[in-house]
Amino acid sequence: MLELMHRWGGGLLSPEVRRYMRRGKEFNVGDSVQVVAGPLLGQDVRVVDISGPSARVVISILGGDVEAQINVDFLAGNGS
């Protein structure tokens, strides 16, 4: 289904496709979100890119910022 929506609906991040996606996972680049599954459970991260089912995030670890690729299903907006 997502392949058809991507092919005919203007891309996975288009408004037409977003209206069919699961609710409660809406966040955008620049948002602060929380990791809700996996080894980084409970960590607050900042979204720097979203590409299909994964997001590139920045997490502060040991006094520095580290980028990581995380499945968007493992993330939840801090306001949700």
C-alpha atoms as a PDB file:
ATOM      1  CA  MET A   1       0.000   0.000   0.000  1.00  0.00           C
ATOM      2  CA  LEU A   2       2.766   2.449   0.901  1.00  0.00           C
ATOM      3  CA  GLU A   3       4.464   1.753  -2.430  1.00  0.00           C
ATOM      4  CA  LEU A   4       1.292   2.743  -4.292  1.00  0.00           C
ATOM      5  CA  MET A   5       0.861   5.824  -2.115  1.00  0.00           C
ATOM      6  CA  HIS A   6       4.492   6.760  -2.753  1.00  0.00           C
ATOM      7  CA  ARG A   7       4.191   6.218  -6.497  1.00  0.00           C
ATOM      8  CA  TRP A   8       0.930   8.134  -6.956  1.00  0.00           C
ATOM      9  CA  GLY A   9       0.689  10.377  -3.902  1.00  0.00           C
ATOM     10  CA  GLY A  10       3.789  12.562  -4.074  1.00  0.00           C
ATOM     11  CA  GLY A  11       6.151  10.737  -1.689  1.00  0.00           C
ATOM     12  CA  LEU A  12       6.049   9.188   1.759  1.00  0.00           C
ATOM     13  CA  LEU A  13       6.155  12.542   3.538  1.00  0.00           C
ATOM     14  CA  SER A  14       3.478  14.260   1.467  1.00  0.00           C
ATOM     15  CA  PRO A  15       0.298  15.445   3.221  1.00  0.00           C
ATOM     16  CA  GLU A  16      -1.741  12.964   1.177  1.00  0.00           C
ATOM     17  CA  VAL A  17       0.261  10.029   2.551  1.00  0.00           C
ATOM     18  CA  ARG A  18       0.526  11.357   6.124  1.00  0.00           C
ATOM     19  CA  ARG A  19      -3.246  11.312   6.530  1.00  0.00           C
ATOM     20  CA  TYR A  20      -3.173   7.504   6.164  1.00  0.00           C
ATOM     21  CA  MET A  21      -0.304   6.945   8.588  1.00  0.00           C
ATOM     22  CA  ARG A  22      -0.771   5.864  12.187  1.00  0.00           C
ATOM     23  CA  ARG A  23      -1.585   8.697  14.574  1.00  0.00           C
ATOM     24  CA  GLY A  24       0.531   9.451  17.628  1.00  0.00           C
ATOM     25  CA  LYS A  25       3.796   9.351  15.651  1.00  0.00           C
ATOM     26  CA  GLU A  26       3.622  12.846  14.230  1.00  0.00           C
ATOM     27  CA  PHE A  27       6.827  14.771  14.667  1.00  0.00           C
ATOM     28  CA  ASN A  28       9.024  16.759  12.337  1.00  0.00           C
ATOM     29  CA  VAL A  29      12.658  17.598  11.794  1.00  0.00           C
ATOM     30  CA  GLY A  30      13.865  19.710  14.718  1.00  0.00           C
ATOM     31  CA  ASP A  31      11.428  18.219  17.233  1.00  0.00           C
ATOM     32  CA  SER A  32      12.586  16.752  20.519  1.00  0.00           C
ATOM     33  CA  VAL A  33      11.217  13.217  20.925  1.00  0.00           C
ATOM     34  CA  GLN A  34      11.659  10.314  23.313  1.00  0.00           C
ATOM     35  CA  VAL A  35      12.896   6.815  22.489  1.00  0.00           C
ATOM     36  CA  VAL A  36      10.197   4.343  23.601  1.00  0.00           C
ATOM     37  CA  ALA A  37      11.876   1.029  22.682  1.00  0.00           C
ATOM     38  CA  GLY A  38      15.298  -0.493  22.209  1.00  0.00           C
ATOM     39  CA  PRO A  39      18.622   0.127  23.943  1.00  0.00           C
ATOM     40  CA  LEU A  40      18.089   3.907  24.107  1.00  0.00           C
ATOM     41  CA  LEU A  41      14.737   3.554  25.901  1.00  0.00           C
ATOM     42  CA  GLY A  42      13.786   6.718  27.760  1.00  0.00           C
ATOM     43  CA  GLN A  43      16.372   8.961  26.110  1.00  0.00           C
ATOM     44  CA  ASP A  44      15.381  12.336  24.697  1.00  0.00           C
ATOM     45  CA  VAL A  45      16.687  12.893  21.173  1.00  0.00           C
ATOM     46  CA  ARG A  46      16.364  15.596  18.493  1.00  0.00           C
ATOM     47  CA  VAL A  47      15.156  14.631  15.006  1.00  0.00           C
ATOM     48  CA  VAL A  48      17.460  15.882  12.222  1.00  0.00           C
ATOM     49  CA  ASP A  49      16.035  13.925   9.264  1.00  0.00           C
ATOM     50  CA  ILE A  50      13.117  11.604   8.495  1.00  0.00           C
ATOM     51  CA  SER A  51      13.365   9.139   5.633  1.00  0.00           C
ATOM     52  CA  GLY A  52      10.491   6.682   5.292  1.00  0.00           C
ATOM     53  CA  PRO A  53      10.416   4.312   8.263  1.00  0.00           C
ATOM     54  CA  SER A  54      13.543   5.680   9.937  1.00  0.00           C
ATOM     55  CA  ALA A  55      14.699   8.920  11.480  1.00  0.00           C
ATOM     56  CA  ARG A  56      18.172  10.285  11.971  1.00  0.00           C
ATOM     57  CA  VAL A  57      18.427  11.704  15.468  1.00  0.00           C
ATOM     58  CA  VAL A  58      21.012  13.408  17.645  1.00  0.00           C
ATOM     59  CA  ILE A  59      21.515  12.180  21.193  1.00  0.00           C
ATOM     60  CA  SER A  60      23.785  13.738  23.807  1.00  0.00           C
ATOM     61  CA  ILE A  61      26.045  11.050  25.244  1.00  0.00           C
ATOM     62  CA  LEU A  62      29.126  11.525  27.430  1.00  0.00           C
ATOM     63  CA  GLY A  63      29.244  15.267  26.843  1.00  0.00           C
ATOM     64  CA  GLY A  64      28.955  15.115  23.057  1.00  0.00           C
ATOM     65  CA  ASP A  65      26.318  14.843  20.355  1.00  0.00           C
ATOM     66  CA  VAL A  66      26.072  11.561  18.439  1.00  0.00           C
ATOM     67  CA  GLU A  67      23.893  10.871  15.397  1.00  0.00           C
ATOM     68  CA  ALA A  68      21.921   7.623  15.215  1.00  0.00           C
ATOM     69  CA  GLN A  69      19.413   6.079  12.805  1.00  0.00           C
ATOM     70  CA  ILE A  70      16.261   4.871  14.609  1.00  0.00           C
ATOM     71  CA  ASN A  71      13.019   3.323  13.374  1.00  0.00           C
ATOM     72  CA  VAL A  72      10.232   5.914  13.780  1.00  0.00           C
ATOM     73  CA  ASP A  73       8.137   3.273  15.583  1.00  0.00           C
ATOM     74  CA  PHE A  74      10.690   3.528  18.425  1.00  0.00           C
ATOM     75  CA  LEU A  75      10.041   7.271  18.843  1.00  0.00           C
ATOM     76  CA  ALA A  76       7.230   9.279  20.399  1.00  0.00           C
ATOM     77  CA  GLY A  77       6.757  13.025  20.462  1.00  0.00           C
ATOM     78  CA  ASN A  78       7.303  14.481  23.908  1.00  0.00           C
ATOM     79  CA  GLY A  79       3.860  16.043  23.727  1.00  0.00           C
ATOM     80  CA  SER A  80       2.041  12.788  22.811  1.00  0.00           C
END
